[in-house]
Amino acid sequence: MGRDKATLLLGDKPMGAWVGDALAAADVAGVVLAGGSPSLARELGLELVPDVVQGKGPLSALHALLTRFDAVAVVPCDVPMMTAEVVDALVAAWRTSGADVAVASCGGQMEPLVSVWRSESSLPVVEQHLTTDDLAIHRLFDQLTTCVVETDPMKLININTVAEFDELKSGL
């Protein structure tokens, strides 16, 4: 996109704030920014959890969260239609299933970064993948007990291009 997607104005607020608001309204203890810059954290009014291992993309951000918290709900900034209800459904499924991770899915297609993770069991697997540069988060699920939660596809719209962003904006 040529710039930080979290700062793109969608309606009256940055795309990252839409996600932050959904998380803040959900049954989670708090909302932080992982894998971002200090200036972005200030702009969004969030505490920054910096990467412990640099340069490994979203897996670095997940790792940083798992080293700091007992459990984490993860939603990327480029899924602005996320709702508290989706996050709550993931948290509830994760809690009742006893799984290491609960992941959102749409028609059988998992969204690895819309998920809830148990740190104690997930952190060693994440660290192994960081060490071997196997950075695809979806490959962690083969090594962890995973609960898949079918989710409304409209809530999982992922914005990766200017055209997708413009289409979403025109629909608001």
N, C-alpha and C. Protein backbone atom coordinates (compact mmCIF):
# COMPACT_ATOMS: atom_id res chain seq x y z
N MET A 1 0.83 -1.19 0.00
CA MET A 1 0.00 0.00 0.00
C MET A 1 0.87 1.25 0.00
N GLY A 2 2.14 1.11 0.33
CA GLY A 2 3.03 2.25 0.31
C GLY A 2 3.04 3.06 1.58
N ARG A 3 2.23 2.69 2.55
CA ARG A 3 2.21 3.37 3.85
C ARG A 3 1.58 2.45 4.88
N ASP A 4 1.66 2.85 6.14
CA ASP A 4 1.13 2.02 7.21
C ASP A 4 -0.39 1.95 7.11
N LYS A 5 -0.91 0.76 6.90
CA LYS A 5 -2.35 0.57 6.73
C LYS A 5 -3.13 1.02 7.96
N ALA A 6 -2.55 0.90 9.13
CA ALA A 6 -3.26 1.25 10.35
C ALA A 6 -3.65 2.72 10.41
N THR A 7 -2.93 3.57 9.67
CA THR A 7 -3.18 5.02 9.73
C THR A 7 -4.15 5.50 8.65
N LEU A 8 -4.55 4.63 7.73
CA LEU A 8 -5.48 5.04 6.67
C LEU A 8 -6.83 5.41 7.27
N LEU A 9 -7.32 6.60 6.92
CA LEU A 9 -8.59 7.06 7.47
C LEU A 9 -9.75 6.34 6.80
N LEU A 10 -10.53 5.71 7.62
CA LEU A 10 -11.74 5.00 7.19
C LEU A 10 -12.89 5.65 7.93
N GLY A 11 -13.68 6.44 7.22
CA GLY A 11 -14.69 7.24 7.91
C GLY A 11 -14.00 8.31 8.72
N ASP A 12 -14.28 8.31 10.00
CA ASP A 12 -13.75 9.37 10.86
C ASP A 12 -12.54 8.96 11.71
N LYS A 13 -11.99 7.77 11.45
CA LYS A 13 -10.84 7.35 12.27
C LYS A 13 -9.93 6.41 11.49
N PRO A 14 -8.69 6.27 11.95
CA PRO A 14 -7.75 5.37 11.27
C PRO A 14 -8.22 3.92 11.33
N MET A 15 -7.84 3.16 10.30
CA MET A 15 -8.24 1.75 10.22
C MET A 15 -7.82 0.99 11.48
N GLY A 16 -6.64 1.27 12.01
CA GLY A 16 -6.19 0.59 13.23
C GLY A 16 -7.08 0.88 14.42
N ALA A 17 -7.69 2.07 14.46
CA ALA A 17 -8.59 2.41 15.57
C ALA A 17 -9.88 1.60 15.51
N TRP A 18 -10.34 1.26 14.29
CA TRP A 18 -11.52 0.42 14.17
C TRP A 18 -11.28 -0.93 14.86
N VAL A 19 -10.12 -1.50 14.61
CA VAL A 19 -9.76 -2.79 15.22
C VAL A 19 -9.59 -2.62 16.73
N GLY A 20 -8.89 -1.57 17.13
CA GLY A 20 -8.70 -1.31 18.56
C GLY A 20 -10.01 -1.16 19.29
N ASP A 21 -10.97 -0.47 18.68
CA ASP A 21 -12.28 -0.29 19.31
C ASP A 21 -13.03 -1.61 19.46
N ALA A 22 -12.93 -2.47 18.45
CA ALA A 22 -13.58 -3.79 18.53
C ALA A 22 -12.98 -4.61 19.67
N LEU A 23 -11.66 -4.58 19.78
CA LEU A 23 -11.01 -5.32 20.87
C LEU A 23 -11.36 -4.72 22.23
N ALA A 24 -11.39 -3.39 22.31
CA ALA A 24 -11.70 -2.74 23.58
C ALA A 24 -13.12 -3.06 24.05
N ALA A 25 -14.03 -3.29 23.12
CA ALA A 25 -15.41 -3.61 23.47
C ALA A 25 -15.60 -5.10 23.76
N ALA A 26 -14.60 -5.90 23.48
CA ALA A 26 -14.69 -7.35 23.69
C ALA A 26 -14.30 -7.73 25.11
N ASP A 27 -14.47 -9.01 25.41
CA ASP A 27 -14.14 -9.55 26.73
C ASP A 27 -12.65 -9.88 26.80
N VAL A 28 -11.83 -8.84 26.71
CA VAL A 28 -10.38 -8.99 26.84
C VAL A 28 -9.89 -7.99 27.89
N ALA A 29 -8.75 -8.28 28.48
CA ALA A 29 -8.26 -7.47 29.59
C ALA A 29 -7.72 -6.11 29.16
N GLY A 30 -7.23 -6.00 27.94
CA GLY A 30 -6.69 -4.73 27.48
C GLY A 30 -6.28 -4.83 26.02
N VAL A 31 -5.96 -3.69 25.45
CA VAL A 31 -5.58 -3.63 24.04
C VAL A 31 -4.21 -2.98 23.93
N VAL A 32 -3.32 -3.62 23.19
CA VAL A 32 -1.98 -3.08 22.94
C VAL A 32 -1.69 -3.19 21.46
N LEU A 33 -0.65 -2.51 21.02
CA LEU A 33 -0.17 -2.60 19.65
C LEU A 33 1.10 -3.43 19.65
N ALA A 34 1.14 -4.45 18.81
CA ALA A 34 2.33 -5.27 18.68
C ALA A 34 2.87 -5.11 17.26
N GLY A 35 4.18 -5.03 17.15
CA GLY A 35 4.81 -4.98 15.85
C GLY A 35 4.72 -3.65 15.15
N GLY A 36 4.30 -2.63 15.82
CA GLY A 36 4.19 -1.31 15.20
C GLY A 36 5.29 -0.38 15.69
N SER A 37 5.16 0.85 15.30
CA SER A 37 6.15 1.87 15.67
C SER A 37 5.64 2.66 16.87
N PRO A 38 6.56 3.29 17.62
CA PRO A 38 6.13 4.15 18.72
C PRO A 38 5.20 5.27 18.28
N SER A 39 5.44 5.84 17.10
CA SER A 39 4.57 6.93 16.64
C SER A 39 3.16 6.42 16.33
N LEU A 40 3.06 5.22 15.77
CA LEU A 40 1.74 4.64 15.51
C LEU A 40 1.02 4.35 16.82
N ALA A 41 1.73 3.81 17.79
CA ALA A 41 1.13 3.53 19.10
C ALA A 41 0.59 4.83 19.71
N ARG A 42 1.37 5.91 19.62
CA ARG A 42 0.91 7.20 20.15
C ARG A 42 -0.34 7.67 19.39
N GLU A 43 -0.31 7.55 18.07
CA GLU A 43 -1.44 8.00 17.26
C GLU A 43 -2.71 7.24 17.60
N LEU A 44 -2.59 5.95 17.88
CA LEU A 44 -3.75 5.13 18.20
C LEU A 44 -4.07 5.13 19.69
N GLY A 45 -3.22 5.75 20.50
CA GLY A 45 -3.45 5.79 21.95
C GLY A 45 -3.28 4.45 22.62
N LEU A 46 -2.34 3.64 22.10
CA LEU A 46 -2.12 2.30 22.64
C LEU A 46 -0.69 2.14 23.15
N GLU A 47 -0.53 1.24 24.09
CA GLU A 47 0.81 0.84 24.54
C GLU A 47 1.44 -0.03 23.46
N LEU A 48 2.71 0.17 23.21
CA LEU A 48 3.44 -0.62 22.22
C LEU A 48 4.14 -1.79 22.89
N VAL A 49 3.96 -2.98 22.35
CA VAL A 49 4.73 -4.15 22.75
C VAL A 49 5.71 -4.41 21.61
N PRO A 50 6.97 -4.00 21.79
CA PRO A 50 7.94 -4.12 20.69
C PRO A 50 8.34 -5.57 20.45
N ASP A 51 8.74 -5.84 19.21
CA ASP A 51 9.22 -7.18 18.87
C ASP A 51 10.46 -7.50 19.68
N VAL A 52 10.55 -8.72 20.18
CA VAL A 52 11.75 -9.22 20.85
C VAL A 52 12.74 -9.69 19.80
N VAL A 53 12.21 -10.36 18.80
CA VAL A 53 12.99 -10.85 17.66
C VAL A 53 12.61 -9.97 16.47
N GLN A 54 13.57 -9.23 15.95
CA GLN A 54 13.31 -8.27 14.88
C GLN A 54 13.29 -8.94 13.50
N GLY A 55 12.50 -8.35 12.61
CA GLY A 55 12.56 -8.71 11.21
C GLY A 55 11.91 -10.02 10.80
N LYS A 56 10.99 -10.52 11.60
CA LYS A 56 10.35 -11.80 11.28
C LYS A 56 8.85 -11.63 11.06
N GLY A 57 8.41 -10.41 10.77
CA GLY A 57 7.03 -10.14 10.41
C GLY A 57 6.03 -10.39 11.53
N PRO A 58 4.80 -10.79 11.16
CA PRO A 58 3.75 -11.00 12.16
C PRO A 58 4.11 -12.03 13.22
N LEU A 59 4.94 -13.01 12.87
CA LEU A 59 5.33 -14.01 13.87
C LEU A 59 6.14 -13.36 14.99
N SER A 60 6.93 -12.35 14.67
CA SER A 60 7.67 -11.60 15.69
C SER A 60 6.72 -10.90 16.64
N ALA A 61 5.66 -10.30 16.09
CA ALA A 61 4.69 -9.60 16.92
C ALA A 61 3.95 -10.59 17.83
N LEU A 62 3.54 -11.73 17.27
CA LEU A 62 2.88 -12.75 18.09
C LEU A 62 3.81 -13.22 19.20
N HIS A 63 5.05 -13.46 18.87
CA HIS A 63 6.04 -13.88 19.85
C HIS A 63 6.16 -12.87 20.99
N ALA A 64 6.25 -11.59 20.64
CA ALA A 64 6.38 -10.55 21.66
C ALA A 64 5.18 -10.57 22.61
N LEU A 65 3.99 -10.75 22.07
CA LEU A 65 2.79 -10.81 22.91
C LEU A 65 2.79 -12.03 23.81
N LEU A 66 3.16 -13.18 23.25
CA LEU A 66 3.16 -14.43 24.03
C LEU A 66 4.20 -14.41 25.14
N THR A 67 5.30 -13.66 24.95
CA THR A 67 6.30 -13.58 26.02
C THR A 67 5.84 -12.68 27.15
N ARG A 68 4.85 -11.84 26.89
CA ARG A 68 4.43 -10.85 27.88
C ARG A 68 3.11 -11.19 28.59
N PHE A 69 2.23 -11.91 27.92
CA PHE A 69 0.90 -12.18 28.47
C PHE A 69 0.63 -13.68 28.52
N ASP A 70 -0.25 -14.10 29.44
CA ASP A 70 -0.62 -15.51 29.56
C ASP A 70 -1.45 -15.99 28.38
N ALA A 71 -2.23 -15.09 27.81
CA ALA A 71 -3.06 -15.40 26.66
C ALA A 71 -3.24 -14.12 25.86
N VAL A 72 -3.42 -14.26 24.55
CA VAL A 72 -3.60 -13.07 23.71
C VAL A 72 -4.67 -13.31 22.65
N ALA A 73 -5.45 -12.28 22.41
CA ALA A 73 -6.36 -12.24 21.26
C ALA A 73 -5.67 -11.35 20.24
N VAL A 74 -5.57 -11.83 19.02
CA VAL A 74 -4.84 -11.12 17.97
C VAL A 74 -5.79 -10.76 16.83
N VAL A 75 -5.75 -9.50 16.43
CA VAL A 75 -6.48 -9.04 15.25
C VAL A 75 -5.58 -8.04 14.54
N PRO A 76 -5.27 -8.24 13.26
CA PRO A 76 -4.40 -7.31 12.56
C PRO A 76 -5.13 -6.00 12.22
N CYS A 77 -4.37 -4.95 12.01
CA CYS A 77 -4.95 -3.63 11.76
C CYS A 77 -5.68 -3.55 10.42
N ASP A 78 -5.45 -4.49 9.54
CA ASP A 78 -6.07 -4.42 8.21
C ASP A 78 -7.35 -5.25 8.08
N VAL A 79 -7.99 -5.50 9.23
CA VAL A 79 -9.29 -6.18 9.27
C VAL A 79 -10.27 -5.26 10.01
N PRO A 80 -10.59 -4.10 9.39
CA PRO A 80 -11.31 -3.05 10.11
C PRO A 80 -12.78 -3.33 10.38
N MET A 81 -13.36 -4.35 9.78
CA MET A 81 -14.76 -4.65 10.04
C MET A 81 -14.94 -5.63 11.20
N MET A 82 -13.85 -5.92 11.89
CA MET A 82 -13.88 -6.80 13.06
C MET A 82 -14.84 -6.22 14.10
N THR A 83 -15.49 -7.12 14.84
CA THR A 83 -16.42 -6.70 15.89
C THR A 83 -16.06 -7.38 17.21
N ALA A 84 -16.55 -6.80 18.28
CA ALA A 84 -16.37 -7.40 19.60
C ALA A 84 -17.01 -8.78 19.66
N GLU A 85 -18.12 -8.97 18.94
CA GLU A 85 -18.81 -10.25 18.95
C GLU A 85 -17.94 -11.37 18.38
N VAL A 86 -17.20 -11.06 17.33
CA VAL A 86 -16.31 -12.07 16.75
C VAL A 86 -15.19 -12.40 17.74
N VAL A 87 -14.60 -11.38 18.33
CA VAL A 87 -13.53 -11.61 19.31
C VAL A 87 -14.07 -12.41 20.49
N ASP A 88 -15.25 -12.04 20.97
CA ASP A 88 -15.86 -12.77 22.10
C ASP A 88 -16.14 -14.22 21.74
N ALA A 89 -16.58 -14.49 20.52
CA ALA A 89 -16.83 -15.88 20.08
C ALA A 89 -15.52 -16.68 20.07
N LEU A 90 -14.45 -16.05 19.62
CA LEU A 90 -13.14 -16.72 19.63
C LEU A 90 -12.69 -17.01 21.06
N VAL A 91 -12.82 -16.01 21.94
CA VAL A 91 -12.42 -16.19 23.34
C VAL A 91 -13.25 -17.29 23.99
N ALA A 92 -14.56 -17.28 23.77
CA ALA A 92 -15.44 -18.29 24.37
C ALA A 92 -15.08 -19.69 23.87
N ALA A 93 -14.86 -19.83 22.57
CA ALA A 93 -14.50 -21.14 22.01
C ALA A 93 -13.17 -21.61 22.55
N TRP A 94 -12.22 -20.70 22.65
CA TRP A 94 -10.89 -21.03 23.18
C TRP A 94 -11.00 -21.50 24.64
N ARG A 95 -11.77 -20.77 25.43
CA ARG A 95 -11.92 -21.13 26.85
C ARG A 95 -12.61 -22.47 27.03
N THR A 96 -13.70 -22.70 26.32
CA THR A 96 -14.47 -23.93 26.53
C THR A 96 -13.79 -25.15 25.91
N SER A 97 -13.05 -24.95 24.83
CA SER A 97 -12.41 -26.09 24.15
C SER A 97 -11.13 -26.54 24.84
N GLY A 98 -10.49 -25.64 25.55
CA GLY A 98 -9.19 -25.96 26.15
C GLY A 98 -8.07 -26.01 25.11
N ALA A 99 -8.34 -25.54 23.90
CA ALA A 99 -7.34 -25.57 22.82
C ALA A 99 -6.20 -24.59 23.09
N ASP A 100 -5.08 -24.83 22.43
CA ASP A 100 -3.96 -23.89 22.50
C ASP A 100 -4.29 -22.60 21.77
N VAL A 101 -5.03 -22.74 20.68
CA VAL A 101 -5.37 -21.58 19.85
C VAL A 101 -6.78 -21.75 19.27
N ALA A 102 -7.51 -20.65 19.22
CA ALA A 102 -8.79 -20.59 18.51
C ALA A 102 -8.59 -19.63 17.35
N VAL A 103 -9.00 -20.04 16.17
CA VAL A 103 -8.76 -19.23 14.97
C VAL A 103 -10.06 -19.03 14.20
N ALA A 104 -10.24 -17.82 13.69
CA ALA A 104 -11.41 -17.52 12.87
C ALA A 104 -11.26 -18.17 11.50
N SER A 105 -12.40 -18.57 10.96
CA SER A 105 -12.41 -19.21 9.64
C SER A 105 -13.64 -18.73 8.89
N CYS A 106 -13.51 -18.72 7.59
CA CYS A 106 -14.63 -18.37 6.72
C CYS A 106 -14.67 -19.39 5.60
N GLY A 107 -15.70 -20.23 5.60
CA GLY A 107 -15.81 -21.25 4.57
C GLY A 107 -14.64 -22.20 4.55
N GLY A 108 -14.09 -22.51 5.71
CA GLY A 108 -12.97 -23.43 5.80
C GLY A 108 -11.61 -22.79 5.59
N GLN A 109 -11.57 -21.50 5.26
CA GLN A 109 -10.31 -20.78 5.07
C GLN A 109 -9.97 -20.04 6.37
N MET A 110 -8.93 -20.51 7.07
CA MET A 110 -8.56 -19.90 8.34
C MET A 110 -7.91 -18.53 8.13
N GLU A 111 -8.16 -17.62 9.07
CA GLU A 111 -7.51 -16.32 9.15
C GLU A 111 -6.55 -16.38 10.34
N PRO A 112 -5.31 -16.81 10.13
CA PRO A 112 -4.40 -17.08 11.24
C PRO A 112 -4.18 -15.92 12.20
N LEU A 113 -4.30 -14.69 11.71
CA LEU A 113 -4.06 -13.55 12.58
C LEU A 113 -5.32 -13.03 13.26
N VAL A 114 -6.43 -13.70 13.09
CA VAL A 114 -7.63 -13.41 13.87
C VAL A 114 -7.81 -14.63 14.76
N SER A 115 -7.24 -14.53 15.96
CA SER A 115 -7.09 -15.74 16.77
C SER A 115 -6.85 -15.41 18.24
N VAL A 116 -6.97 -16.44 19.07
CA VAL A 116 -6.70 -16.35 20.51
C VAL A 116 -5.71 -17.45 20.85
N TRP A 117 -4.67 -17.10 21.61
CA TRP A 117 -3.54 -18.01 21.87
C TRP A 117 -3.28 -18.19 23.36
N ARG A 118 -2.97 -19.42 23.75
CA ARG A 118 -2.52 -19.74 25.11
C ARG A 118 -0.99 -19.69 25.08
N SER A 119 -0.41 -18.80 25.83
CA SER A 119 1.04 -18.56 25.76
C SER A 119 1.87 -19.76 26.19
N GLU A 120 1.51 -20.39 27.29
CA GLU A 120 2.32 -21.47 27.84
C GLU A 120 2.59 -22.58 26.80
N SER A 121 1.57 -22.96 26.06
CA SER A 121 1.75 -24.04 25.09
C SER A 121 2.18 -23.53 23.71
N SER A 122 1.82 -22.32 23.37
CA SER A 122 2.11 -21.79 22.04
C SER A 122 3.51 -21.21 21.91
N LEU A 123 4.02 -20.60 22.96
CA LEU A 123 5.31 -19.91 22.88
C LEU A 123 6.45 -20.81 22.43
N PRO A 124 6.60 -22.03 22.96
CA PRO A 124 7.71 -22.87 22.49
C PRO A 124 7.62 -23.19 20.99
N VAL A 125 6.41 -23.37 20.49
CA VAL A 125 6.24 -23.67 19.06
C VAL A 125 6.58 -22.43 18.23
N VAL A 126 6.14 -21.27 18.67
CA VAL A 126 6.47 -20.02 17.97
C VAL A 126 7.98 -19.81 17.96
N GLU A 127 8.63 -20.03 19.09
CA GLU A 127 10.09 -19.85 19.15
C GLU A 127 10.82 -20.80 18.21
N GLN A 128 10.34 -22.04 18.13
CA GLN A 128 10.94 -23.00 17.20
C GLN A 128 10.82 -22.50 15.77
N HIS A 129 9.66 -21.98 15.41
CA HIS A 129 9.44 -21.49 14.04
C HIS A 129 10.29 -20.25 13.76
N LEU A 130 10.45 -19.39 14.75
CA LEU A 130 11.32 -18.22 14.56
C LEU A 130 12.76 -18.66 14.32
N THR A 131 13.21 -19.64 15.08
CA THR A 131 14.59 -20.13 14.97
C THR A 131 14.87 -20.72 13.59
N THR A 132 13.88 -21.39 13.02
CA THR A 132 14.08 -22.04 11.71
C THR A 132 13.59 -21.18 10.54
N ASP A 133 13.21 -19.94 10.82
CA ASP A 133 12.68 -19.03 9.80
C ASP A 133 11.46 -19.58 9.07
N ASP A 134 10.67 -20.39 9.76
CA ASP A 134 9.40 -20.89 9.24
C ASP A 134 8.34 -19.93 9.77
N LEU A 135 8.11 -18.84 9.05
CA LEU A 135 7.37 -17.70 9.57
C LEU A 135 5.88 -17.70 9.28
N ALA A 136 5.38 -18.67 8.55
CA ALA A 136 3.95 -18.73 8.22
C ALA A 136 3.16 -19.18 9.45
N ILE A 137 2.34 -18.29 9.95
CA ILE A 137 1.61 -18.57 11.19
C ILE A 137 0.68 -19.76 11.03
N HIS A 138 0.08 -19.96 9.86
CA HIS A 138 -0.85 -21.08 9.71
C HIS A 138 -0.17 -22.44 9.93
N ARG A 139 1.14 -22.50 9.77
CA ARG A 139 1.83 -23.78 9.99
C ARG A 139 1.97 -24.12 11.48
N LEU A 140 1.73 -23.17 12.36
CA LEU A 140 1.76 -23.45 13.80
C LEU A 140 0.60 -24.36 14.20
N PHE A 141 -0.51 -24.26 13.49
CA PHE A 141 -1.71 -24.98 13.88
C PHE A 141 -1.54 -26.49 13.84
N ASP A 142 -0.63 -26.99 13.01
CA ASP A 142 -0.37 -28.43 12.95
C ASP A 142 0.29 -28.94 14.22
N GLN A 143 0.92 -28.06 14.98
CA GLN A 143 1.64 -28.46 16.19
C GLN A 143 0.90 -28.09 17.47
N LEU A 144 -0.25 -27.46 17.33
CA LEU A 144 -1.02 -27.01 18.49
C LEU A 144 -2.44 -27.52 18.39
N THR A 145 -3.09 -27.73 19.54
CA THR A 145 -4.51 -28.04 19.46
C THR A 145 -5.23 -26.76 19.05
N THR A 146 -6.02 -26.90 18.00
CA THR A 146 -6.61 -25.72 17.38
C THR A 146 -8.12 -25.87 17.29
N CYS A 147 -8.82 -24.85 17.72
CA CYS A 147 -10.27 -24.77 17.64
C CYS A 147 -10.59 -23.77 16.53
N VAL A 148 -11.35 -24.19 15.53
CA VAL A 148 -11.70 -23.32 14.41
C VAL A 148 -13.11 -22.77 14.65
N VAL A 149 -13.24 -21.45 14.51
CA VAL A 149 -14.51 -20.78 14.75
C VAL A 149 -14.98 -20.15 13.44
N GLU A 150 -16.08 -20.67 12.91
CA GLU A 150 -16.63 -20.13 11.66
C GLU A 150 -17.15 -18.72 11.92
N THR A 151 -16.79 -17.80 11.04
CA THR A 151 -17.01 -16.37 11.25
C THR A 151 -17.65 -15.75 10.01
N ASP A 152 -18.46 -14.74 10.22
CA ASP A 152 -19.08 -13.98 9.13
C ASP A 152 -17.98 -13.43 8.22
N PRO A 153 -18.01 -13.74 6.94
CA PRO A 153 -16.95 -13.28 6.03
C PRO A 153 -16.81 -11.76 5.97
N MET A 154 -17.89 -11.04 6.20
CA MET A 154 -17.81 -9.57 6.16
C MET A 154 -16.94 -9.03 7.29
N LYS A 155 -16.84 -9.77 8.38
CA LYS A 155 -16.02 -9.32 9.52
C LYS A 155 -14.55 -9.60 9.32
N LEU A 156 -14.23 -10.44 8.32
CA LEU A 156 -12.84 -10.82 8.07
C LEU A 156 -12.26 -10.17 6.82
N ILE A 157 -12.95 -9.16 6.30
CA ILE A 157 -12.43 -8.48 5.11
C ILE A 157 -11.05 -7.92 5.43
N ASN A 158 -10.08 -8.34 4.62
CA ASN A 158 -8.68 -7.97 4.83
C ASN A 158 -8.27 -6.98 3.73
N ILE A 159 -7.78 -5.82 4.13
CA ILE A 159 -7.43 -4.76 3.19
C ILE A 159 -5.94 -4.81 2.90
N ASN A 160 -5.60 -5.12 1.64
CA ASN A 160 -4.20 -5.21 1.25
C ASN A 160 -3.81 -4.30 0.10
N THR A 161 -4.79 -3.73 -0.58
CA THR A 161 -4.48 -2.87 -1.72
C THR A 161 -5.27 -1.57 -1.62
N VAL A 162 -4.83 -0.57 -2.37
CA VAL A 162 -5.55 0.71 -2.42
C VAL A 162 -6.95 0.49 -2.97
N ALA A 163 -7.09 -0.36 -3.97
CA ALA A 163 -8.41 -0.64 -4.56
C ALA A 163 -9.35 -1.26 -3.51
N GLU A 164 -8.86 -2.20 -2.72
CA GLU A 164 -9.69 -2.80 -1.66
C GLU A 164 -10.09 -1.76 -0.63
N PHE A 165 -9.15 -0.89 -0.28
CA PHE A 165 -9.44 0.16 0.70
C PHE A 165 -10.50 1.12 0.15
N ASP A 166 -10.34 1.55 -1.11
CA ASP A 166 -11.30 2.46 -1.73
C ASP A 166 -12.68 1.82 -1.82
N GLU A 167 -12.74 0.53 -2.13
CA GLU A 167 -14.02 -0.17 -2.20
C GLU A 167 -14.68 -0.21 -0.83
N LEU A 168 -13.91 -0.49 0.21
CA LEU A 168 -14.46 -0.51 1.56
C LEU A 168 -14.97 0.88 1.96
N LYS A 169 -14.18 1.90 1.68
CA LYS A 169 -14.56 3.27 1.99
C LYS A 169 -15.87 3.67 1.31
N SER A 170 -16.04 3.28 0.08
CA SER A 170 -17.24 3.65 -0.66
C SER A 170 -18.48 2.95 -0.11
N GLY A 171 -18.29 1.84 0.58
CA GLY A 171 -19.40 1.09 1.15
C GLY A 171 -19.82 1.55 2.53
N LEU A 172 -19.06 2.46 3.14
CA LEU A 172 -19.41 2.93 4.49
C LEU A 172 -20.53 3.94 4.46
